[in-house]
Amino acid sequence: MSDFPTEGFGHVPCAPERVCPMIGEFIAWLVVAFLVNPLTAEVQSRLAEANAPPAIVAQVAACGAAAAPVLLQRAAEDPWWAIRTGLATWIGTVQAEVVLAEAAPGCTPALQAARPYLPQG
């Protein structure tokens, strides 16, 4: 009989001290690579194109860093949200700054300062 847990549909057996943390780290990397980084990069790129002051760009970058743990937690709890949000941002139906503001409400002042430099649409 194996020491690995096998109960539950779709459960991936793992040795918690070795494989499970690696899986968690891999999922976190995916969320950061395909959701968090693209969101912050899009906002920063739009700000740079609009010649926003460097202080505003830096504040928005700090907000992206502040939002990352919240976005990781939300993606872990609701993977479909992460997929929908990533795709909606990618195709332009959801603006990245809206997602960042929802994830890190403390970023509202920085995002409001950036708003004149973020063309809608």
Foldseek 3Di string as FASTA:
>chain_A
DDPWDDDDPPDDTDDVVPVVVVVLVVLLVCLCVQPLVVLLVVLLVLLVVLVHDPVLNVLSVVLSVVLSVQSSVVCVVPVVVSVVNSVCCVVPVDHSVVVSCVSRVVSVVSVVSCVVSHDHD
